[in-house]
Amino acid sequence: MANAFNALQDGGMMFSFNSCADGIPNYSHPRAQFDPVTRIALNRTRYWATLSERLSEFESAGFVVEYIELKQKPLEDFSSDLAIYARKTAGGSR
């Protein structure tokens, strides 16, 4: 996140679209195959962050979050979609 912050000019926007742990209707879904406590995939290739964790990453890097959309997928899926738009402001933390 810090690299993205440093690569942008002041006023530059960053867009993030990820799966999110918030709103997961069924941690035991057979397609999910992840530990419900750590939210790490059993094959160790993925981590499902919460909305608050993602926002903390952006804010820690110095971004100002301008828009958030959390959309729960149909029940047959096992995650939610999270879209975040964030802006690098003049005088950011990095």
C-alpha atoms as a PDB file:
ATOM      1  CA  MET A   1       0.000   0.000   0.000  1.00  0.00           C
ATOM      2  CA  ALA A   2       2.885   2.348   0.788  1.00  0.00           C
ATOM      3  CA  ASN A   3       4.363   1.733  -2.683  1.00  0.00           C
ATOM      4  CA  ALA A   4       1.061   2.683  -4.315  1.00  0.00           C
ATOM      5  CA  PHE A   5       0.872   5.806  -2.147  1.00  0.00           C
ATOM      6  CA  ASN A   6       4.415   6.820  -3.112  1.00  0.00           C
ATOM      7  CA  ALA A   7       3.788   6.183  -6.826  1.00  0.00           C
ATOM      8  CA  LEU A   8       0.831   8.583  -6.972  1.00  0.00           C
ATOM      9  CA  GLN A   9       0.961  12.347  -7.279  1.00  0.00           C
ATOM     10  CA  ASP A  10      -0.964  14.416  -4.753  1.00  0.00           C
ATOM     11  CA  GLY A  11      -4.651  14.094  -5.588  1.00  0.00           C
ATOM     12  CA  GLY A  12      -4.099  10.748  -7.319  1.00  0.00           C
ATOM     13  CA  MET A  13      -6.718   8.037  -6.826  1.00  0.00           C
ATOM     14  CA  MET A  14      -6.285   4.390  -5.969  1.00  0.00           C
ATOM     15  CA  PHE A  15      -8.974   1.823  -6.642  1.00  0.00           C
ATOM     16  CA  SER A  16      -9.100  -1.541  -4.914  1.00  0.00           C
ATOM     17  CA  PHE A  17     -11.503  -4.383  -5.630  1.00  0.00           C
ATOM     18  CA  ASN A  18     -11.153  -7.470  -3.444  1.00  0.00           C
ATOM     19  CA  SER A  19     -13.052 -10.265  -1.815  1.00  0.00           C
ATOM     20  CA  CYS A  20     -13.946  -9.439   1.760  1.00  0.00           C
ATOM     21  CA  ALA A  21     -14.662 -11.533   4.848  1.00  0.00           C
ATOM     22  CA  ASP A  22     -17.523  -9.263   5.962  1.00  0.00           C
ATOM     23  CA  GLY A  23     -20.885 -10.679   5.033  1.00  0.00           C
ATOM     24  CA  ILE A  24     -19.642 -14.197   4.340  1.00  0.00           C
ATOM     25  CA  PRO A  25     -22.836 -16.184   4.802  1.00  0.00           C
ATOM     26  CA  ASN A  26     -21.303 -19.595   5.332  1.00  0.00           C
ATOM     27  CA  TYR A  27     -17.716 -20.202   6.467  1.00  0.00           C
ATOM     28  CA  SER A  28     -18.210 -23.950   6.030  1.00  0.00           C
ATOM     29  CA  HIS A  29     -18.976 -23.699   2.314  1.00  0.00           C
ATOM     30  CA  PRO A  30     -17.029 -26.489   0.571  1.00  0.00           C
ATOM     31  CA  ARG A  31     -15.637 -24.105  -2.057  1.00  0.00           C
ATOM     32  CA  ALA A  32     -14.266 -21.765   0.585  1.00  0.00           C
ATOM     33  CA  GLN A  33     -11.662 -24.119   2.048  1.00  0.00           C
ATOM     34  CA  PHE A  34     -10.244 -21.694   4.583  1.00  0.00           C
ATOM     35  CA  ASP A  35      -9.785 -21.548   8.307  1.00  0.00           C
ATOM     36  CA  PRO A  36     -12.719 -19.577   9.773  1.00  0.00           C
ATOM     37  CA  VAL A  37     -10.549 -18.275  12.643  1.00  0.00           C
ATOM     38  CA  THR A  38      -7.570 -16.952  10.655  1.00  0.00           C
ATOM     39  CA  ARG A  39      -9.429 -16.506   7.315  1.00  0.00           C
ATOM     40  CA  ILE A  40      -6.382 -17.978   5.546  1.00  0.00           C
ATOM     41  CA  ALA A  41      -6.994 -20.389   2.663  1.00  0.00           C
ATOM     42  CA  LEU A  42      -6.057 -23.958   3.512  1.00  0.00           C
ATOM     43  CA  ASN A  43      -3.695 -23.990   0.498  1.00  0.00           C
ATOM     44  CA  ARG A  44      -2.072 -20.789   1.952  1.00  0.00           C
ATOM     45  CA  THR A  45      -2.674 -18.712  -1.211  1.00  0.00           C
ATOM     46  CA  ARG A  46      -5.261 -16.248   0.065  1.00  0.00           C
ATOM     47  CA  TYR A  47      -6.380 -14.241   3.059  1.00  0.00           C
ATOM     48  CA  TRP A  48      -9.882 -12.796   3.422  1.00  0.00           C
ATOM     49  CA  ALA A  49      -9.528  -9.422   5.165  1.00  0.00           C
ATOM     50  CA  THR A  50     -12.377  -7.630   6.899  1.00  0.00           C
ATOM     51  CA  LEU A  51     -13.572  -4.202   5.869  1.00  0.00           C
ATOM     52  CA  SER A  52     -11.977  -2.635   8.949  1.00  0.00           C
ATOM     53  CA  GLU A  53      -8.629  -4.321   8.172  1.00  0.00           C
ATOM     54  CA  ARG A  54      -8.672  -3.028   4.584  1.00  0.00           C
ATOM     55  CA  LEU A  55      -9.563   0.508   5.701  1.00  0.00           C
ATOM     56  CA  SER A  56      -6.745   0.424   8.227  1.00  0.00           C
ATOM     57  CA  GLU A  57      -4.277  -0.527   5.460  1.00  0.00           C
ATOM     58  CA  PHE A  58      -5.329   2.448   3.341  1.00  0.00           C
ATOM     59  CA  GLU A  59      -5.306   4.906   6.215  1.00  0.00           C
ATOM     60  CA  SER A  60      -1.948   3.648   7.534  1.00  0.00           C
ATOM     61  CA  ALA A  61      -0.416   4.283   4.113  1.00  0.00           C
ATOM     62  CA  GLY A  62      -1.718   7.866   4.167  1.00  0.00           C
ATOM     63  CA  PHE A  63      -4.737   7.593   1.869  1.00  0.00           C
ATOM     64  CA  VAL A  64      -8.069   9.284   2.514  1.00  0.00           C
ATOM     65  CA  VAL A  65     -10.858   6.802   1.752  1.00  0.00           C
ATOM     66  CA  GLU A  66     -13.535   8.529  -0.321  1.00  0.00           C
ATOM     67  CA  TYR A  67     -15.888   5.696  -1.265  1.00  0.00           C
ATOM     68  CA  ILE A  68     -16.617   2.186  -0.020  1.00  0.00           C
ATOM     69  CA  GLU A  69     -19.009  -0.373  -1.456  1.00  0.00           C
ATOM     70  CA  LEU A  70     -19.501  -3.779   0.135  1.00  0.00           C
ATOM     71  CA  LYS A  71     -21.680  -6.118  -1.910  1.00  0.00           C
ATOM     72  CA  GLN A  72     -22.622  -9.536  -0.622  1.00  0.00           C
ATOM     73  CA  LYS A  73     -22.543 -12.219  -3.288  1.00  0.00           C
ATOM     74  CA  PRO A  74     -25.306 -14.801  -3.708  1.00  0.00           C
ATOM     75  CA  LEU A  75     -25.544 -17.432  -0.978  1.00  0.00           C
ATOM     76  CA  GLU A  76     -23.846 -20.052  -3.147  1.00  0.00           C
ATOM     77  CA  ASP A  77     -20.648 -18.022  -2.973  1.00  0.00           C
ATOM     78  CA  PHE A  78     -18.482 -17.570   0.105  1.00  0.00           C
ATOM     79  CA  SER A  79     -17.286 -13.981   0.155  1.00  0.00           C
ATOM     80  CA  SER A  80     -18.361 -10.409  -0.457  1.00  0.00           C
ATOM     81  CA  ASP A  81     -16.961  -7.926  -2.973  1.00  0.00           C
ATOM     82  CA  LEU A  82     -15.324  -4.815  -1.568  1.00  0.00           C
ATOM     83  CA  ALA A  83     -14.602  -1.745  -3.687  1.00  0.00           C
ATOM     84  CA  ILE A  84     -12.588   1.121  -2.214  1.00  0.00           C
ATOM     85  CA  TYR A  85     -11.642   4.441  -3.795  1.00  0.00           C
ATOM     86  CA  ALA A  86      -8.965   6.361  -1.935  1.00  0.00           C
ATOM     87  CA  ARG A  87      -7.108   9.602  -2.641  1.00  0.00           C
ATOM     88  CA  LYS A  88      -3.558  10.657  -1.934  1.00  0.00           C
ATOM     89  CA  THR A  89      -3.817  14.064  -0.346  1.00  0.00           C
ATOM     90  CA  ALA A  90      -1.172  16.743  -0.107  1.00  0.00           C
ATOM     91  CA  GLY A  91       0.673  16.375   3.152  1.00  0.00           C
ATOM     92  CA  GLY A  92      -0.092  12.653   3.445  1.00  0.00           C
ATOM     93  CA  SER A  93       1.754  10.558   5.977  1.00  0.00           C
ATOM     94  CA  ARG A  94       4.431   9.294   3.574  1.00  0.00           C
END
